[in-house]
Structure formats: structure tokens, C-alpha cells
Amino acid sequence: MTFAVMASIIMNVLDTTIVNVALPHMQGGLHANIDQVSWILTSYMLAMVVITPLTGLLVERFGQRHLMLASVAGFVFTSAMAGQSHTIVEMVIWRFLQGAVGAAMVPVGQSILVASYPPERRGMAMATLGMGIMLGPILGPILGGYLTDDASWRWCFYVNVPFGLVALLLLFRHVPEAGRGQHPRPIDWQGFLAMAVGLGCTQAVLSLGDQDDWFSSQTIMTLTVVAAASLVLFVWRSLAVDRPIVNLRLLKNRALALGSLGIALFGLALYGVMVILPFYLQEHMGYEAQTTGLVMAPQGLGAMVSMGLAGRMLSRGVNPRIVALMGIALGGFGSYLTLSYNLHIDPAWIVWPGVLRGFGLGFISIPLFTIAFASLSKADTAEGSGIFNLMRNLGGSVGIALVTTVISEYTQVAWNQMGGHITPYAQALHTMVPPHTWTAATAPSLAALLAQHAAMRGILNAFVFVFWGFIGMIPLVALIGNQKINAAQPVVMES
């Protein structure tokens, strides 16, 4: 049963990272630009943000076994359909559906393991689950790189089919029925629809704004108004009804509110880097997809090690704020090193900052989860977990959109700034390319060189944005206050 649940969860988590290194290849295959291809990631995460709050209500209606089987079967089908997509619109639709049907896998899988193990062995079960979850950031870039180079980017999706069918068979044979309620709670469909429309329109504004010149576009203006109205309605419904989709009343708890904001910045920093590096390494450094995966994987390895260390430190009574601040320092320093990147750096300068970032992310995530829930009652833990994980996924989704916008916007700015100095009268240009050597190929060569350096300026500004994401966590952790942690309780974090 543990193997069945782990196979499903690893497949789900792997899909958030395996696609990253294939994005430049998908950009060409689907005839899309960087802003459009980023929707392949954001649509997947946005669907998970919207559907995850429904997980508990769906379990009450259908039970853990049926919901898990339906999620895995739907995930396999949508993965196969995403692999055969031939346009960016097809791909985004299937990725959204893939995220929607797979959103329940991790929370339901965790619930199955918690319910099936005796109390004295649950800590071991959660540690096994955590290790499996961390395999995604390690194996995803490597496997995605090899599949992309040796087969096709489509196999980043097709690979889910055999693994998913094995997981489906194991789940069918070994997972018992549980969780179905005799009188399931009603679903606040108005609140759910308001949340889905509000978050979807917000994501569309962030992703399309740069292409449509922001608020000079009637479409962007309309989407902004709809997003604002829908989110206001969602907040009102969440505070007005007895059983809302997301219980925002829990945000009165300062630790949960600040911890959720902190984990949103965590998501921004994590997924922002996972978008920047593949384009930088493949488009501008000339790396193959395999090499890109290999140099990105150590970040996941660092996170895996530091999560284990963070759990041990917290269980021995170390103040979680100190652990979190230590993680911010490591992650921030790793991100600071990226600010000196150029078009000629050694691969080691990709690996070691990634390892430092990974160590930082592991030291941040576990303490934030721990201190956010330290003052919540047992009855509020499940709903608080929904808010916490919603904010992490939302932070990642928004972060991807903002990072691609920063790259696109500042690349254009840099093109205009540097291009203004390329004139027949520029002495610096004469020094680099003497006038007597000019030929018909000189102008295209200069244009290509300008485009490459302008893109590098855009990438560096995106790294600056991620760096400030780490810095923004410092006041949040400082304001949370000291929370008493029960060292006897195992530290558990949902993916």
C-alpha cells in the first residue's frame, strides 16, 4: 500500500519539474514565445490551487479509495493527451486538466498513510513520504533532460502512462476504502466559482499584461475588474457562510497568516528559479537538455538533505525562527551569487549556488510549516493546511508569471538602451568592429549579439526578483513571534 501511494505521489510531484528543462524545446515545437510557454507551468499549478480546497469535501462524498483511483486514472489520461498536443492552446488546456485531476493525490495519499499506520510508526511513514516528495526536484530535471534529448519532449508526459498504470493496479488491490461520510458537508459552489474565476483572471492579467501593454488593453482592464470583483465576493463568502471552501477566519491567527505569506514567497523563489535556469542554460549558454537537468538537480538534493536536518533540529528544541532565518540566509546567498552570471560562466557556478539555494529552501519550508500550525487547534489543522498549501502553490504560480514578465520586459528595455549606442558614430563600436572590416554580415551579427546580451540583462533582473523574494521572508519570520513546538510530535509537511 505504501508503495502504491508513493508511486502515485512521486508521479505527481515529478510532473512539476520534469517539464522545466523541456520548455525551450516545447517553445519551438508549439510555436510559442516565453510568455506563452510559461502557461504550461502556470496552468498546471493554478488548477492545483483551485481544486485542492475541494479535496476534503470530495473525500467525504466518494471516499479516499475511489478519489485516489479517479485522480490517478485522470492523471494518466491527461498526461497522454498533453503529450500529443500540437498547439500551445491544446497543451495549456490538457495541463490545466492534468493539474485539476491530480490535485487530490498528495493530500489524499498522506491521509491514507496516516490512517493506515499505527501512531508509533506514523513518523516513519511521513519521513518516507517526504523523501519520496523530494525525489521530484532531484530526478525531474535529470529524467526530463534525458527524455528530451534522446526521445522527444513529448515523452516527459508519456512517461507517466506506464508508471500511472502500475500505480493504478497497486491502488486497486491494496488501498482500503475510508473517509466517506454519512452526511457530507455541503459545498459552497458560489465561493468556489468566485475563487476559481478570481485566481484565473489574476493569473491571466499577470501572464498576458506584458504582451498586451497592460492597462492600455481593454482585455486586461476587463480581466482586472472581473478578478477584483470575484476575489471580493470570494472573501465575503468565506467570512459569511458556516462551511466555506477556504476558511479565511483562521487567518486571524498571526502565525498562520504570516507563515502562509512566507510560504507564498517560498513558492515564488522555488518555481521562479526553475523557470529562469532552463532558458538561460539552453538558449544562451548552449547546454543540452541532459546537461541542464544534471546541473539543476543538485538544488533538489540540497533541499532533501536540509529538510532532514531541519526536522532533527526542531525535534531537539531548536527555535524554528532561527532555522528559518538560517535557511533564508543560505537561499539568499545562493541567489545573490546568480546576480553575477554572464554568458561565459563555468557549470560549477550553476551547481553550487543551486545547492545553497536547495539547503535554504529545505531549512525554510519545515520551520514555516511548524510555526504556522503550532498555535492551531487539532480541529483547525486540516483547514489551516488547505490555506497554507494553497498559498504555496499560488505563490509559485504567480512567481512563474512575474518572472517571465520581468525577463520579457527588461529584455526589451535592455535592447532599446544598448541598441541606442550602436550607431556609425559610436567610438566604442569602431573599437570593437573597425569600419574597414564591415561587410553585409556585420549588421545581422551585431543584431544577434545585441539580442543575446539584452536577454542576459532580462535574466539577471529576474534573478534579482528571486533574490528579493528571499529577503521578503525575513520580516515575516521575525514578526511571527516565538511559537512553542511540541518536540514529541513529528514534523509533517504536505507537498
Protein backbone atom coordinates (compact mmCIF):
# COMPACT_ATOMS: atom_id res chain seq x y z
CA MET A 1 0.00 0.00 0.00
CA THR A 2 2.84 2.39 0.85
CA PHE A 3 4.47 1.65 -2.49
CA ALA A 4 1.17 2.27 -4.31
CA VAL A 5 0.68 5.65 -2.64
CA MET A 6 4.33 6.63 -3.12
CA ALA A 7 4.25 5.71 -6.82
CA SER A 8 1.23 7.99 -7.33
CA ILE A 9 2.69 10.91 -5.38
CA ILE A 10 6.14 10.69 -6.99
CA MET A 11 4.50 10.69 -10.43
CA ASN A 12 2.51 13.79 -9.47
CA VAL A 13 5.45 15.68 -7.94
CA LEU A 14 7.79 14.65 -10.76
CA ASP A 15 5.49 16.35 -13.25
CA THR A 16 6.09 19.78 -11.67
CA THR A 17 9.83 19.60 -12.50
CA ILE A 18 10.29 17.14 -15.38
CA VAL A 19 8.79 19.61 -17.86
CA ASN A 20 11.04 22.55 -16.92
CA VAL A 21 14.13 21.51 -18.87
CA ALA A 22 11.96 20.71 -21.90
CA LEU A 23 10.37 24.17 -22.08
CA PRO A 24 12.81 25.62 -24.68
CA HIS A 25 12.17 22.60 -26.92
CA MET A 26 8.41 22.88 -26.39
CA GLN A 27 8.61 26.56 -27.23
CA GLY A 28 9.84 25.68 -30.71
CA GLY A 29 7.60 22.65 -31.17
CA LEU A 30 4.45 24.54 -30.19
CA HIS A 31 5.43 27.81 -31.94
CA ALA A 32 5.17 29.83 -28.71
CA ASN A 33 7.16 32.64 -27.08
CA ILE A 34 8.49 32.59 -23.50
CA ASP A 35 5.34 34.24 -22.09
CA GLN A 36 3.06 31.72 -23.77
CA VAL A 37 5.12 28.66 -22.92
CA SER A 38 5.16 29.66 -19.24
CA TRP A 39 1.43 28.87 -19.23
CA ILE A 40 2.40 25.19 -19.45
CA LEU A 41 3.61 25.53 -15.86
CA THR A 42 1.19 28.12 -14.51
CA SER A 43 -1.96 26.40 -15.80
CA TYR A 44 -0.92 23.18 -14.02
CA MET A 45 -0.24 24.95 -10.73
CA LEU A 46 -3.31 27.19 -10.98
CA ALA A 47 -5.53 24.13 -11.37
CA MET A 48 -3.98 22.61 -8.25
CA VAL A 49 -4.57 25.87 -6.34
CA VAL A 50 -8.25 25.91 -7.31
CA ILE A 51 -9.05 22.22 -6.80
CA THR A 52 -7.01 21.42 -3.66
CA PRO A 53 -9.50 23.11 -1.26
CA LEU A 54 -12.20 20.69 -2.52
CA THR A 55 -10.20 17.60 -1.54
CA GLY A 56 -11.72 17.09 1.91
CA LEU A 57 -15.27 17.58 0.63
CA LEU A 58 -14.66 15.14 -2.24
CA VAL A 59 -13.30 12.52 0.18
CA GLU A 60 -16.48 12.81 2.27
CA ARG A 61 -18.58 12.12 -0.83
CA PHE A 62 -16.57 9.43 -2.63
CA GLY A 63 -14.07 8.07 -0.10
CA GLN A 64 -10.28 8.00 -0.25
CA ARG A 65 -10.00 4.88 -2.39
CA HIS A 66 -12.35 5.98 -5.17
CA LEU A 67 -10.97 9.54 -5.23
CA MET A 68 -7.37 8.30 -5.41
CA LEU A 69 -8.20 5.85 -8.21
CA ALA A 70 -10.06 8.54 -10.16
CA SER A 71 -7.17 11.01 -9.69
CA VAL A 72 -4.52 8.59 -10.94
CA ALA A 73 -6.63 7.42 -13.89
CA GLY A 74 -7.42 11.01 -14.88
CA PHE A 75 -3.76 11.98 -14.49
CA VAL A 76 -2.63 9.19 -16.81
CA PHE A 77 -5.20 10.12 -19.46
CA THR A 78 -4.47 13.86 -19.39
CA SER A 79 -0.71 13.17 -19.46
CA ALA A 80 -1.12 11.15 -22.65
CA MET A 81 -3.26 13.88 -24.20
CA ALA A 82 -0.76 16.60 -23.20
CA GLY A 83 1.98 14.59 -24.91
CA GLN A 84 0.12 14.57 -28.22
CA SER A 85 -0.66 18.33 -28.17
CA HIS A 86 0.32 20.25 -31.30
CA THR A 87 -0.60 23.82 -30.31
CA ILE A 88 0.02 25.88 -27.20
CA VAL A 89 -3.74 26.14 -26.59
CA GLU A 90 -4.14 22.35 -26.59
CA MET A 91 -1.19 21.97 -24.25
CA VAL A 92 -2.44 24.57 -21.75
CA ILE A 93 -5.92 23.00 -21.66
CA TRP A 94 -4.59 19.49 -21.02
CA ARG A 95 -2.06 20.74 -18.45
CA PHE A 96 -4.84 22.54 -16.59
CA LEU A 97 -6.93 19.36 -16.55
CA GLN A 98 -3.87 17.37 -15.51
CA GLY A 99 -3.34 19.65 -12.51
CA ALA A 100 -7.05 19.55 -11.65
CA VAL A 101 -7.37 15.76 -11.57
CA GLY A 102 -4.01 15.34 -9.82
CA ALA A 103 -4.58 17.95 -7.11
CA ALA A 104 -6.01 15.41 -4.64
CA MET A 105 -3.16 12.89 -4.91
CA VAL A 106 -0.77 14.28 -2.30
CA PRO A 107 -3.27 15.21 0.48
CA VAL A 108 -5.31 12.02 0.00
CA GLY A 109 -2.17 9.89 -0.20
CA GLN A 110 -0.90 11.43 3.02
CA SER A 111 -4.25 10.78 4.70
CA ILE A 112 -4.16 7.12 3.59
CA LEU A 113 -0.71 6.62 5.10
CA VAL A 114 -1.58 8.41 8.36
CA ALA A 115 -4.73 6.34 8.81
CA SER A 116 -3.06 3.04 7.93
CA TYR A 117 0.00 3.19 10.18
CA PRO A 118 -0.15 2.87 13.99
CA PRO A 119 0.67 6.09 15.87
CA GLU A 120 4.17 4.95 16.83
CA ARG A 121 5.10 4.40 13.14
CA ARG A 122 3.49 7.47 11.58
CA GLY A 123 6.65 9.50 11.91
CA MET A 124 8.49 6.92 9.81
CA ALA A 125 5.64 6.91 7.28
CA MET A 126 5.73 10.71 6.94
CA ALA A 127 9.53 10.67 6.64
CA THR A 128 9.22 8.13 3.82
CA LEU A 129 6.59 10.32 2.16
CA GLY A 130 8.78 13.40 2.49
CA MET A 131 11.77 11.64 0.96
CA GLY A 132 9.60 10.50 -1.94
CA ILE A 133 8.27 14.01 -2.48
CA MET A 134 11.81 15.39 -2.61
CA LEU A 135 12.76 12.89 -5.33
CA GLY A 136 10.76 15.06 -7.75
CA PRO A 137 13.10 18.09 -7.74
CA ILE A 138 16.12 15.74 -7.97
CA LEU A 139 15.01 13.25 -10.61
CA GLY A 140 12.69 15.54 -12.57
CA PRO A 141 15.30 17.73 -14.33
CA ILE A 142 17.60 14.75 -14.99
CA LEU A 143 14.87 12.49 -16.37
CA GLY A 144 13.35 15.36 -18.35
CA GLY A 145 16.73 16.16 -19.89
CA TYR A 146 17.44 12.60 -20.99
CA LEU A 147 13.93 12.08 -22.37
CA THR A 148 14.03 15.38 -24.27
CA ASP A 149 17.44 14.76 -25.86
CA ASP A 150 17.15 11.01 -26.53
CA ALA A 151 13.46 10.81 -27.46
CA SER A 152 11.28 13.93 -27.52
CA TRP A 153 9.82 16.45 -25.10
CA ARG A 154 6.53 14.58 -25.55
CA TRP A 155 7.97 11.68 -23.54
CA CYS A 156 8.07 13.95 -20.49
CA PHE A 157 4.30 13.34 -20.48
CA TYR A 158 4.13 9.84 -21.99
CA VAL A 159 6.41 8.50 -19.22
CA ASN A 160 3.50 8.94 -16.77
CA VAL A 161 1.42 6.32 -18.59
CA PRO A 162 3.31 3.13 -17.60
CA PHE A 163 4.05 4.39 -14.08
CA GLY A 164 0.46 5.51 -13.65
CA LEU A 165 -0.97 2.17 -14.78
CA VAL A 166 1.24 0.30 -12.29
CA ALA A 167 0.19 2.71 -9.52
CA LEU A 168 -3.46 2.27 -10.50
CA LEU A 169 -3.21 -1.52 -10.25
CA LEU A 170 -1.49 -1.36 -6.85
CA LEU A 171 -4.02 1.14 -5.51
CA PHE A 172 -6.92 -1.02 -6.71
CA ARG A 173 -5.51 -4.10 -4.96
CA HIS A 174 -4.10 -2.70 -1.71
CA VAL A 175 -5.76 0.57 -0.65
CA PRO A 176 -8.83 0.14 1.57
CA GLU A 177 -11.95 2.29 1.48
CA ALA A 178 -12.13 5.02 4.13
CA GLY A 179 -13.15 8.61 4.69
CA ARG A 180 -16.62 8.60 3.15
CA GLY A 181 -19.10 10.46 5.38
CA GLN A 182 -22.70 9.54 6.05
CA HIS A 183 -23.72 13.19 5.83
CA PRO A 184 -21.15 15.02 3.70
CA ARG A 185 -20.81 18.75 4.15
CA PRO A 186 -22.42 20.98 1.51
CA ILE A 187 -20.06 22.61 -1.00
CA ASP A 188 -20.20 26.40 -1.23
CA TRP A 189 -20.31 26.48 -5.02
CA GLN A 190 -20.66 30.26 -5.14
CA GLY A 191 -17.48 30.70 -3.14
CA PHE A 192 -15.68 28.08 -5.20
CA LEU A 193 -16.70 29.69 -8.50
CA ALA A 194 -15.68 33.14 -7.23
CA MET A 195 -12.28 31.79 -6.16
CA ALA A 196 -11.70 29.98 -9.46
CA VAL A 197 -12.66 32.98 -11.61
CA GLY A 198 -10.74 35.45 -9.42
CA LEU A 199 -7.50 33.46 -9.36
CA GLY A 200 -7.78 32.54 -13.05
CA CYS A 201 -8.30 36.13 -14.16
CA THR A 202 -5.49 37.34 -11.89
CA GLN A 203 -3.14 34.80 -13.44
CA ALA A 204 -4.23 35.87 -16.93
CA VAL A 205 -3.54 39.54 -16.13
CA LEU A 206 -0.05 38.75 -14.84
CA SER A 207 0.78 36.47 -17.77
CA LEU A 208 -0.77 38.49 -20.62
CA GLY A 209 -0.20 42.02 -19.35
CA ASP A 210 3.29 42.40 -20.79
CA GLN A 211 2.18 41.20 -24.24
CA ASP A 212 -0.91 43.45 -24.33
CA ASP A 213 0.74 46.59 -22.90
CA TRP A 214 -1.03 46.22 -19.56
CA PHE A 215 -3.90 48.61 -18.85
CA SER A 216 -3.90 50.18 -22.29
CA SER A 217 -5.57 46.91 -23.34
CA GLN A 218 -9.34 46.58 -22.96
CA THR A 219 -8.92 42.85 -22.36
CA ILE A 220 -6.53 43.39 -19.45
CA MET A 221 -8.83 46.05 -17.98
CA THR A 222 -11.82 43.69 -18.18
CA LEU A 223 -9.90 40.78 -16.65
CA THR A 224 -8.68 43.02 -13.81
CA VAL A 225 -12.20 44.18 -12.95
CA VAL A 226 -13.55 40.62 -13.07
CA ALA A 227 -10.65 39.37 -10.92
CA ALA A 228 -11.13 42.09 -8.31
CA ALA A 229 -14.92 41.58 -8.13
CA SER A 230 -14.59 37.79 -7.93
CA LEU A 231 -11.95 37.88 -5.20
CA VAL A 232 -14.01 40.33 -3.14
CA LEU A 233 -17.00 38.00 -3.49
CA PHE A 234 -14.83 35.02 -2.51
CA VAL A 235 -13.58 36.76 0.65
CA TRP A 236 -17.12 37.82 1.58
CA ARG A 237 -18.46 34.27 1.08
CA SER A 238 -15.58 32.78 3.06
CA LEU A 239 -16.39 35.05 6.01
CA ALA A 240 -20.18 34.87 5.72
CA VAL A 241 -21.02 31.16 5.36
CA ASP A 242 -20.59 28.50 8.04
CA ARG A 243 -18.70 25.99 5.86
CA PRO A 244 -16.67 27.94 3.26
CA ILE A 245 -14.38 26.43 0.66
CA VAL A 246 -11.41 28.12 2.37
CA ASN A 247 -11.84 29.15 6.00
CA LEU A 248 -10.26 32.60 5.90
CA ARG A 249 -11.30 33.20 9.51
CA LEU A 250 -8.26 31.18 10.53
CA LEU A 251 -6.05 33.99 9.24
CA LYS A 252 -6.85 35.83 12.47
CA ASN A 253 -4.08 33.60 13.80
CA ARG A 254 -0.95 35.71 13.20
CA ALA A 255 1.39 32.72 12.92
CA LEU A 256 -0.73 31.06 10.23
CA ALA A 257 -1.25 34.33 8.31
CA LEU A 258 2.43 35.31 8.27
CA GLY A 259 3.57 31.72 7.72
CA SER A 260 1.24 31.46 4.70
CA LEU A 261 2.65 34.69 3.24
CA GLY A 262 6.14 33.36 3.86
CA ILE A 263 5.42 30.07 2.08
CA ALA A 264 3.97 32.07 -0.86
CA LEU A 265 7.34 33.85 -1.22
CA PHE A 266 8.98 30.43 -0.86
CA GLY A 267 6.93 29.20 -3.83
CA LEU A 268 7.91 32.28 -5.83
CA ALA A 269 11.61 31.72 -5.17
CA LEU A 270 11.48 27.97 -5.86
CA TYR A 271 9.48 27.98 -9.08
CA GLY A 272 10.92 31.28 -10.33
CA VAL A 273 14.40 29.76 -10.49
CA MET A 274 13.05 26.58 -12.10
CA VAL A 275 11.75 28.72 -14.98
CA ILE A 276 14.78 31.00 -15.40
CA LEU A 277 17.56 28.39 -15.47
CA PRO A 278 16.39 26.18 -18.39
CA PHE A 279 16.03 29.18 -20.72
CA TYR A 280 19.33 30.68 -19.58
CA LEU A 281 21.30 27.44 -19.88
CA GLN A 282 19.83 26.12 -23.13
CA GLU A 283 19.06 29.30 -25.07
CA HIS A 284 22.12 31.36 -24.10
CA MET A 285 24.76 29.02 -22.66
CA GLY A 286 24.28 26.31 -25.30
CA TYR A 287 23.68 23.47 -22.85
CA GLU A 288 21.84 20.34 -23.97
CA ALA A 289 18.71 19.35 -22.06
CA GLN A 290 20.58 16.48 -20.35
CA THR A 291 23.32 18.79 -19.09
CA THR A 292 20.74 21.31 -17.95
CA GLY A 293 18.97 18.64 -15.90
CA LEU A 294 22.22 17.47 -14.33
CA VAL A 295 23.31 20.95 -13.19
CA MET A 296 19.81 21.77 -11.87
CA ALA A 297 19.32 18.53 -9.92
CA PRO A 298 21.72 19.35 -7.02
CA GLN A 299 19.29 22.02 -5.79
CA GLY A 300 16.77 19.26 -5.06
CA LEU A 301 19.47 17.17 -3.39
CA GLY A 302 20.37 20.09 -1.11
CA ALA A 303 16.71 20.57 -0.19
CA MET A 304 16.31 16.86 0.57
CA VAL A 305 19.29 16.86 2.95
CA SER A 306 18.34 20.11 4.69
CA MET A 307 14.72 19.02 5.25
CA GLY A 308 16.00 16.02 7.19
CA LEU A 309 18.40 18.22 9.17
CA ALA A 310 15.66 20.77 9.88
CA GLY A 311 13.38 18.05 11.25
CA ARG A 312 16.12 16.82 13.58
CA MET A 313 16.94 20.33 14.79
CA LEU A 314 13.30 21.11 15.55
CA SER A 315 12.78 17.82 17.36
CA ARG A 316 15.73 18.73 19.59
CA GLY A 317 14.18 22.04 20.58
CA VAL A 318 15.96 24.49 18.27
CA ASN A 319 13.90 27.67 17.77
CA PRO A 320 12.17 27.30 14.39
CA ARG A 321 12.66 31.00 13.63
CA ILE A 322 16.44 30.50 13.86
CA VAL A 323 16.27 27.54 11.49
CA ALA A 324 14.10 29.51 9.04
CA LEU A 325 16.39 32.56 9.15
CA MET A 326 19.38 30.30 8.57
CA GLY A 327 17.58 28.93 5.51
CA ILE A 328 16.82 32.43 4.25
CA ALA A 329 20.50 33.36 4.62
CA LEU A 330 21.64 30.30 2.65
CA GLY A 331 18.97 30.66 -0.03
CA GLY A 332 19.53 34.41 -0.30
CA PHE A 333 23.30 33.98 -0.65
CA GLY A 334 22.83 31.30 -3.30
CA SER A 335 20.52 33.68 -5.19
CA TYR A 336 22.94 36.60 -4.70
CA LEU A 337 25.64 34.60 -6.49
CA THR A 338 23.39 34.37 -9.56
CA LEU A 339 23.43 38.16 -9.90
CA SER A 340 26.96 37.95 -11.33
CA TYR A 341 26.09 35.39 -14.02
CA ASN A 342 27.21 36.05 -17.58
CA LEU A 343 27.40 34.21 -20.88
CA HIS A 344 30.73 32.50 -20.13
CA ILE A 345 30.46 31.07 -16.60
CA ASP A 346 31.65 27.61 -15.58
CA PRO A 347 29.00 24.92 -14.79
CA ALA A 348 30.24 24.84 -11.18
CA TRP A 349 28.76 28.33 -10.74
CA ILE A 350 25.38 26.87 -11.61
CA VAL A 351 25.72 23.83 -9.33
CA TRP A 352 26.99 25.36 -6.08
CA PRO A 353 24.57 28.31 -5.88
CA GLY A 354 21.84 25.75 -6.61
CA VAL A 355 23.00 23.56 -3.72
CA LEU A 356 23.00 26.59 -1.39
CA ARG A 357 19.51 27.56 -2.56
CA GLY A 358 18.34 23.99 -2.03
CA PHE A 359 19.72 23.91 1.51
CA GLY A 360 18.00 27.22 2.18
CA LEU A 361 14.64 26.06 0.80
CA GLY A 362 14.71 22.92 2.97
CA PHE A 363 15.57 24.89 6.09
CA ILE A 364 12.77 27.37 5.33
CA SER A 365 9.86 25.07 4.47
CA ILE A 366 9.82 22.78 7.53
CA PRO A 367 10.08 25.56 10.19
CA LEU A 368 7.48 27.71 8.41
CA PHE A 369 5.02 24.80 8.40
CA THR A 370 5.81 24.04 12.04
CA ILE A 371 5.42 27.56 13.43
CA ALA A 372 2.36 28.29 11.28
CA PHE A 373 0.49 25.38 12.88
CA ALA A 374 1.96 25.47 16.39
CA SER A 375 -0.91 27.55 17.82
CA LEU A 376 -3.77 25.99 15.83
CA SER A 377 -6.16 23.57 17.49
CA LYS A 378 -6.34 20.00 16.19
CA ALA A 379 -9.80 20.69 14.74
CA ASP A 380 -8.46 23.60 12.67
CA THR A 381 -5.32 21.86 11.38
CA ALA A 382 -6.90 20.39 8.24
CA GLU A 383 -8.42 23.71 7.11
CA GLY A 384 -5.25 25.57 8.06
CA SER A 385 -3.25 23.12 5.94
CA GLY A 386 -5.54 23.93 3.00
CA ILE A 387 -4.78 27.65 3.33
CA PHE A 388 -1.05 27.03 3.76
CA ASN A 389 -0.71 24.78 0.71
CA LEU A 390 -2.99 26.99 -1.38
CA MET A 391 -0.69 29.95 -0.69
CA ARG A 392 2.42 27.96 -1.56
CA ASN A 393 1.03 26.83 -4.90
CA LEU A 394 -0.40 30.29 -5.58
CA GLY A 395 2.98 31.87 -4.82
CA GLY A 396 4.62 29.50 -7.30
CA SER A 397 2.01 30.17 -9.97
CA VAL A 398 2.22 33.95 -9.57
CA GLY A 399 6.01 33.75 -9.34
CA ILE A 400 6.28 31.98 -12.69
CA ALA A 401 4.09 34.64 -14.32
CA LEU A 402 6.05 37.52 -12.76
CA VAL A 403 9.45 36.04 -13.61
CA THR A 404 8.57 35.59 -17.28
CA THR A 405 7.17 39.13 -17.34
CA VAL A 406 10.38 40.53 -15.82
CA ILE A 407 12.51 38.66 -18.37
CA SER A 408 10.40 39.85 -21.31
CA GLU A 409 10.04 43.44 -20.08
CA TYR A 410 13.69 44.05 -19.18
CA THR A 411 14.98 42.28 -22.28
CA GLN A 412 13.09 44.84 -24.34
CA VAL A 413 14.34 47.70 -22.15
CA ALA A 414 17.94 46.49 -22.48
CA TRP A 415 17.54 46.11 -26.25
CA ASN A 416 16.45 49.74 -26.54
CA GLN A 417 19.13 51.05 -24.18
CA MET A 418 22.05 49.19 -25.72
CA GLY A 419 20.75 49.44 -29.27
CA GLY A 420 20.75 53.21 -28.99
CA HIS A 421 24.56 53.12 -28.76
CA ILE A 422 25.05 51.09 -31.93
CA THR A 423 25.43 53.83 -34.50
CA PRO A 424 28.05 54.58 -37.21
CA TYR A 425 29.35 57.36 -34.93
CA ALA A 426 29.88 55.26 -31.76
CA GLN A 427 33.60 55.16 -30.95
CA ALA A 428 33.18 52.03 -28.81
CA LEU A 429 31.66 50.22 -31.79
CA HIS A 430 34.57 51.31 -34.01
CA THR A 431 36.99 49.88 -31.42
CA MET A 432 35.23 46.50 -31.35
CA VAL A 433 34.46 46.32 -35.10
CA PRO A 434 36.72 48.63 -37.15
CA PRO A 435 34.79 50.30 -40.00
CA HIS A 436 37.10 48.93 -42.69
CA THR A 437 36.07 45.37 -41.69
CA TRP A 438 32.33 46.00 -42.09
CA THR A 439 30.54 43.69 -44.54
CA ALA A 440 26.96 42.79 -45.36
CA ALA A 441 27.03 40.30 -42.46
CA THR A 442 28.09 42.88 -39.87
CA ALA A 443 24.62 44.25 -39.12
CA PRO A 444 22.97 40.82 -38.61
CA SER A 445 25.89 39.74 -36.41
CA LEU A 446 25.59 42.85 -34.26
CA ALA A 447 21.82 42.36 -34.02
CA ALA A 448 22.29 38.76 -32.82
CA LEU A 449 24.91 39.86 -30.29
CA LEU A 450 22.63 42.65 -29.07
CA ALA A 451 19.71 40.22 -28.68
CA GLN A 452 21.84 37.81 -26.66
CA HIS A 453 23.13 40.46 -24.25
CA ALA A 454 19.70 42.08 -23.92
CA ALA A 455 18.23 38.68 -22.97
CA MET A 456 21.03 38.24 -20.42
CA ARG A 457 20.07 41.58 -18.84
CA GLY A 458 16.47 40.38 -18.62
CA ILE A 459 17.56 37.10 -16.99
CA LEU A 460 19.73 38.94 -14.44
CA ASN A 461 16.78 41.15 -13.48
CA ALA A 462 14.69 38.01 -12.98
CA PHE A 463 17.37 36.67 -10.63
CA VAL A 464 17.22 39.99 -8.74
CA PHE A 465 13.46 39.48 -8.37
CA VAL A 466 14.01 35.98 -6.89
CA PHE A 467 16.70 37.33 -4.55
CA TRP A 468 14.27 39.91 -3.14
CA GLY A 469 11.77 37.11 -2.67
CA PHE A 470 14.15 35.58 -0.12
CA ILE A 471 14.75 38.96 1.53
CA GLY A 472 10.98 39.48 1.82
CA MET A 473 10.70 36.41 4.06
CA ILE A 474 12.88 37.96 6.78
CA PRO A 475 10.33 40.42 8.27
CA LEU A 476 7.57 37.78 8.04
CA VAL A 477 9.59 35.26 10.05
CA ALA A 478 10.62 37.97 12.53
CA LEU A 479 7.01 39.07 13.08
CA ILE A 480 5.61 35.57 13.62
CA GLY A 481 6.89 35.51 17.20
CA ASN A 482 8.10 32.58 19.26
CA GLN A 483 5.88 29.52 18.99
CA LYS A 484 6.10 26.62 21.39
CA ILE A 485 6.79 23.42 19.49
CA ASN A 486 5.95 20.02 20.90
CA ALA A 487 9.15 18.10 20.29
CA ALA A 488 7.34 14.81 20.68
CA GLN A 489 5.30 15.45 17.58
CA PRO A 490 6.83 14.50 14.23
CA VAL A 491 7.29 17.36 11.82
CA VAL A 492 4.96 16.77 8.86
CA MET A 493 4.65 18.84 5.74
CA GLU A 494 2.25 18.33 2.87
CA SER A 495 3.67 18.78 -0.59
